[in-house]
Every structure is written in structure tokens, then in C-alpha cells.
Amino acid sequence: MAREARQFARAVARESGRPVTEWDERLTTSHAEREIRSFDLPASRRREKGLSDRIAAALLLRGYLERHPGQERDEGSAGQKTDEPA
């Protein structure tokens, strides 16, 4: 990971008081493009703007969740269920 990205991650962790996980995503786009080719989509759909970015984001999330199974959220985590109306 680039030095600037590491510095940014440390700053976010320091300012938020929350842990920050650094994640190497260099090959994610090429992985996403391979996945898209395997979907047997029409060419126009494969070239859809943002499709590879959306697939890459899903692959990043899947990789993170697979590597950190069963981690419970602590109080104040994003997505925490509450009884309060939105």
C-alpha cells in the first residue's frame, strides 16, 4: 500500500478512534473483469459504465468478510440495529 494511503489510514483511525483495516486491492479490478466475462452477459452489458467497479467493490467486501468471519460489532458500529426510528 502506498505511503500516503497508510498515512491516511492512521489519520482516520486517530481521528475516529476506530480501528482501520488496510486492504490491498491492486488486483481487484482485473478479478472483477474476469468475473464479468464469466457471466455470459451481452457485450453491451459487460461494457456498462461502473459495472467492473461495482463487482470489484463486492469482491473486496466478500474478501474482507471471509477473512474476518464472525466478528461482532461493538457499540457504535455502523449498521448497528436500534429501536429508534430513523
N, C-alpha and C. Protein backbone atom coordinates (compact mmCIF):
# COMPACT_ATOMS: atom_id res chain seq x y z
N MET A 1 0.86 -1.17 0.00
CA MET A 1 0.00 0.00 0.00
C MET A 1 0.90 1.24 0.00
N ALA A 2 0.49 2.23 -0.73
CA ALA A 2 1.29 3.44 -0.85
C ALA A 2 1.42 4.14 0.51
N ARG A 3 2.52 4.82 0.67
CA ARG A 3 2.78 5.53 1.92
C ARG A 3 1.66 6.51 2.27
N GLU A 4 1.15 7.23 1.26
CA GLU A 4 0.08 8.20 1.51
C GLU A 4 -1.18 7.51 2.03
N ALA A 5 -1.48 6.35 1.49
CA ALA A 5 -2.67 5.61 1.93
C ALA A 5 -2.50 5.15 3.38
N ARG A 6 -1.30 4.70 3.73
CA ARG A 6 -1.05 4.29 5.12
C ARG A 6 -1.18 5.48 6.07
N GLN A 7 -0.65 6.61 5.66
CA GLN A 7 -0.76 7.82 6.49
C GLN A 7 -2.23 8.21 6.65
N PHE A 8 -2.99 8.12 5.58
CA PHE A 8 -4.41 8.45 5.64
C PHE A 8 -5.13 7.48 6.58
N ALA A 9 -4.83 6.20 6.49
CA ALA A 9 -5.46 5.20 7.37
C ALA A 9 -5.16 5.49 8.83
N ARG A 10 -3.91 5.84 9.13
CA ARG A 10 -3.55 6.18 10.51
C ARG A 10 -4.31 7.42 10.98
N ALA A 11 -4.43 8.42 10.11
CA ALA A 11 -5.14 9.65 10.48
C ALA A 11 -6.62 9.36 10.74
N VAL A 12 -7.23 8.54 9.90
CA VAL A 12 -8.64 8.18 10.09
C VAL A 12 -8.81 7.45 11.42
N ALA A 13 -7.94 6.49 11.70
CA ALA A 13 -8.01 5.75 12.96
C ALA A 13 -7.84 6.68 14.16
N ARG A 14 -6.89 7.59 14.05
CA ARG A 14 -6.63 8.52 15.16
C ARG A 14 -7.83 9.44 15.38
N GLU A 15 -8.36 10.01 14.33
CA GLU A 15 -9.46 10.97 14.45
C GLU A 15 -10.78 10.30 14.84
N SER A 16 -11.00 9.09 14.35
CA SER A 16 -12.28 8.42 14.61
C SER A 16 -12.25 7.60 15.89
N GLY A 17 -11.05 7.24 16.34
CA GLY A 17 -10.95 6.36 17.49
C GLY A 17 -11.36 4.93 17.16
N ARG A 18 -11.46 4.62 15.88
CA ARG A 18 -11.88 3.29 15.42
C ARG A 18 -10.72 2.61 14.70
N PRO A 19 -10.68 1.29 14.75
CA PRO A 19 -9.63 0.59 14.01
C PRO A 19 -9.85 0.72 12.50
N VAL A 20 -8.78 0.77 11.76
CA VAL A 20 -8.82 0.84 10.31
C VAL A 20 -8.05 -0.34 9.77
N THR A 21 -8.68 -1.10 8.89
CA THR A 21 -8.03 -2.24 8.27
C THR A 21 -7.52 -1.84 6.90
N GLU A 22 -6.23 -2.01 6.67
CA GLU A 22 -5.67 -1.74 5.35
C GLU A 22 -5.87 -2.99 4.51
N TRP A 23 -6.27 -2.78 3.25
CA TRP A 23 -6.62 -3.91 2.39
C TRP A 23 -6.05 -3.65 1.00
N ASP A 24 -5.24 -4.58 0.50
CA ASP A 24 -4.62 -4.45 -0.81
C ASP A 24 -5.66 -4.77 -1.88
N GLU A 25 -5.95 -3.81 -2.75
CA GLU A 25 -6.98 -4.00 -3.75
C GLU A 25 -6.43 -3.90 -5.18
N ARG A 26 -5.13 -4.03 -5.30
CA ARG A 26 -4.50 -3.83 -6.61
C ARG A 26 -5.02 -4.73 -7.71
N LEU A 27 -5.34 -5.96 -7.43
CA LEU A 27 -5.76 -6.90 -8.47
C LEU A 27 -7.28 -7.04 -8.55
N THR A 28 -8.00 -6.27 -7.77
CA THR A 28 -9.44 -6.43 -7.69
C THR A 28 -10.13 -6.12 -9.01
N THR A 29 -9.71 -5.09 -9.71
CA THR A 29 -10.35 -4.73 -10.97
C THR A 29 -10.17 -5.83 -12.01
N SER A 30 -8.97 -6.37 -12.12
CA SER A 30 -8.77 -7.45 -13.10
C SER A 30 -9.57 -8.69 -12.71
N HIS A 31 -9.68 -8.97 -11.41
CA HIS A 31 -10.51 -10.08 -10.95
C HIS A 31 -11.97 -9.82 -11.31
N ALA A 32 -12.43 -8.59 -11.10
CA ALA A 32 -13.81 -8.24 -11.44
C ALA A 32 -14.07 -8.41 -12.93
N GLU A 33 -13.14 -8.00 -13.75
CA GLU A 33 -13.31 -8.13 -15.20
C GLU A 33 -13.36 -9.58 -15.63
N ARG A 34 -12.58 -10.45 -14.99
CA ARG A 34 -12.66 -11.89 -15.27
C ARG A 34 -14.03 -12.43 -14.86
N GLU A 35 -14.52 -11.99 -13.71
CA GLU A 35 -15.85 -12.43 -13.25
C GLU A 35 -16.93 -12.00 -14.25
N ILE A 36 -16.85 -10.77 -14.71
CA ILE A 36 -17.85 -10.25 -15.65
C ILE A 36 -17.85 -11.08 -16.93
N ARG A 37 -16.67 -11.41 -17.44
CA ARG A 37 -16.60 -12.24 -18.66
C ARG A 37 -17.24 -13.60 -18.43
N SER A 38 -17.16 -14.12 -17.20
CA SER A 38 -17.72 -15.44 -16.93
C SER A 38 -19.24 -15.42 -16.79
N PHE A 39 -19.85 -14.22 -16.70
CA PHE A 39 -21.30 -14.11 -16.52
C PHE A 39 -22.09 -14.38 -17.78
N ASP A 40 -21.45 -14.47 -18.93
CA ASP A 40 -22.13 -14.70 -20.21
C ASP A 40 -23.17 -13.61 -20.48
N LEU A 41 -22.78 -12.37 -20.24
CA LEU A 41 -23.65 -11.22 -20.50
C LEU A 41 -23.45 -10.73 -21.93
N PRO A 42 -24.45 -10.06 -22.48
CA PRO A 42 -24.24 -9.43 -23.78
C PRO A 42 -23.11 -8.40 -23.69
N ALA A 43 -22.43 -8.19 -24.79
CA ALA A 43 -21.28 -7.28 -24.79
C ALA A 43 -21.66 -5.89 -24.30
N SER A 44 -22.83 -5.42 -24.67
CA SER A 44 -23.24 -4.07 -24.23
C SER A 44 -23.36 -4.00 -22.72
N ARG A 45 -23.81 -5.06 -22.10
CA ARG A 45 -23.95 -5.08 -20.64
C ARG A 45 -22.58 -5.20 -19.96
N ARG A 46 -21.66 -5.98 -20.56
CA ARG A 46 -20.32 -6.13 -20.00
C ARG A 46 -19.58 -4.80 -19.98
N ARG A 47 -19.89 -3.92 -20.95
CA ARG A 47 -19.22 -2.62 -21.04
C ARG A 47 -19.95 -1.54 -20.26
N GLU A 48 -21.00 -1.91 -19.56
CA GLU A 48 -21.80 -0.94 -18.80
C GLU A 48 -20.92 -0.13 -17.85
N LYS A 49 -21.11 1.17 -17.89
CA LYS A 49 -20.30 2.07 -17.05
C LYS A 49 -20.48 1.71 -15.58
N GLY A 50 -19.37 1.52 -14.89
CA GLY A 50 -19.40 1.26 -13.46
C GLY A 50 -19.58 -0.20 -13.07
N LEU A 51 -19.86 -1.07 -14.02
CA LEU A 51 -20.09 -2.47 -13.68
C LEU A 51 -18.86 -3.10 -13.03
N SER A 52 -17.69 -2.89 -13.63
CA SER A 52 -16.49 -3.50 -13.04
C SER A 52 -16.20 -2.92 -11.66
N ASP A 53 -16.49 -1.63 -11.46
CA ASP A 53 -16.28 -1.03 -10.13
C ASP A 53 -17.22 -1.64 -9.10
N ARG A 54 -18.48 -1.87 -9.47
CA ARG A 54 -19.43 -2.47 -8.54
C ARG A 54 -19.05 -3.90 -8.19
N ILE A 55 -18.61 -4.66 -9.20
CA ILE A 55 -18.19 -6.04 -8.96
C ILE A 55 -16.92 -6.04 -8.10
N ALA A 56 -15.99 -5.14 -8.39
CA ALA A 56 -14.75 -5.06 -7.61
C ALA A 56 -15.06 -4.73 -6.15
N ALA A 57 -15.99 -3.82 -5.93
CA ALA A 57 -16.37 -3.47 -4.55
C ALA A 57 -16.96 -4.69 -3.84
N ALA A 58 -17.79 -5.43 -4.53
CA ALA A 58 -18.38 -6.63 -3.93
C ALA A 58 -17.30 -7.67 -3.62
N LEU A 59 -16.33 -7.81 -4.50
CA LEU A 59 -15.24 -8.75 -4.26
C LEU A 59 -14.40 -8.33 -3.06
N LEU A 60 -14.14 -7.02 -2.93
CA LEU A 60 -13.40 -6.53 -1.77
C LEU A 60 -14.15 -6.83 -0.48
N LEU A 61 -15.44 -6.56 -0.48
CA LEU A 61 -16.24 -6.82 0.71
C LEU A 61 -16.27 -8.31 1.03
N ARG A 62 -16.48 -9.13 0.02
CA ARG A 62 -16.50 -10.57 0.24
C ARG A 62 -15.17 -11.05 0.83
N GLY A 63 -14.07 -10.57 0.27
CA GLY A 63 -12.75 -10.97 0.77
C GLY A 63 -12.55 -10.57 2.22
N TYR A 64 -12.97 -9.35 2.56
CA TYR A 64 -12.84 -8.89 3.93
C TYR A 64 -13.69 -9.74 4.87
N LEU A 65 -14.94 -9.97 4.51
CA LEU A 65 -15.83 -10.76 5.37
C LEU A 65 -15.36 -12.20 5.52
N GLU A 66 -14.81 -12.77 4.47
CA GLU A 66 -14.29 -14.14 4.56
C GLU A 66 -13.07 -14.19 5.47
N ARG A 67 -12.29 -13.15 5.46
CA ARG A 67 -11.07 -13.12 6.28
C ARG A 67 -11.37 -12.78 7.74
N HIS A 68 -12.51 -12.16 8.01
CA HIS A 68 -12.88 -11.75 9.35
C HIS A 68 -14.25 -12.32 9.72
N PRO A 69 -14.40 -13.64 9.70
CA PRO A 69 -15.72 -14.22 9.96
C PRO A 69 -16.14 -14.05 11.41
N GLY A 70 -17.42 -13.80 11.60
CA GLY A 70 -17.99 -13.79 12.94
C GLY A 70 -17.56 -12.67 13.84
N GLN A 71 -16.91 -11.65 13.30
CA GLN A 71 -16.52 -10.53 14.16
C GLN A 71 -17.78 -9.80 14.57
N GLU A 72 -17.96 -9.67 15.86
CA GLU A 72 -19.13 -8.95 16.35
C GLU A 72 -18.85 -7.47 16.34
N ARG A 73 -19.90 -6.71 16.06
CA ARG A 73 -19.76 -5.25 16.08
C ARG A 73 -19.78 -4.79 17.52
N ASP A 74 -18.98 -3.80 17.80
CA ASP A 74 -19.04 -3.21 19.14
C ASP A 74 -19.99 -2.02 19.11
N GLU A 75 -20.30 -1.49 20.26
CA GLU A 75 -21.26 -0.39 20.35
C GLU A 75 -20.80 0.77 19.49
N GLY A 76 -21.74 1.33 18.75
CA GLY A 76 -21.44 2.47 17.90
C GLY A 76 -21.02 2.10 16.50
N SER A 77 -21.03 0.82 16.16
CA SER A 77 -20.65 0.42 14.83
C SER A 77 -21.70 0.83 13.81
N ALA A 78 -21.24 1.08 12.61
CA ALA A 78 -22.17 1.37 11.52
C ALA A 78 -23.06 0.16 11.31
N GLY A 79 -24.31 0.40 11.04
CA GLY A 79 -25.23 -0.69 10.78
C GLY A 79 -25.79 -1.31 12.03
N GLN A 80 -25.50 -0.76 13.18
CA GLN A 80 -26.00 -1.31 14.44
C GLN A 80 -27.51 -1.13 14.49
N LYS A 81 -28.20 -2.20 14.86
CA LYS A 81 -29.66 -2.13 14.98
C LYS A 81 -30.03 -1.43 16.25
N THR A 82 -31.03 -0.57 16.13
CA THR A 82 -31.54 0.11 17.30
C THR A 82 -33.06 0.08 17.25
N ASP A 83 -33.70 0.42 18.35
CA ASP A 83 -35.15 0.51 18.38
C ASP A 83 -35.65 1.90 18.02
N GLU A 84 -34.73 2.82 17.78
CA GLU A 84 -35.11 4.20 17.49
C GLU A 84 -35.48 4.31 16.02
N PRO A 85 -36.52 5.10 15.70
CA PRO A 85 -36.88 5.30 14.29
C PRO A 85 -35.80 6.10 13.57
N ALA A 86 -35.70 5.87 12.29
CA ALA A 86 -34.67 6.56 11.50
C ALA A 86 -35.05 8.00 11.23
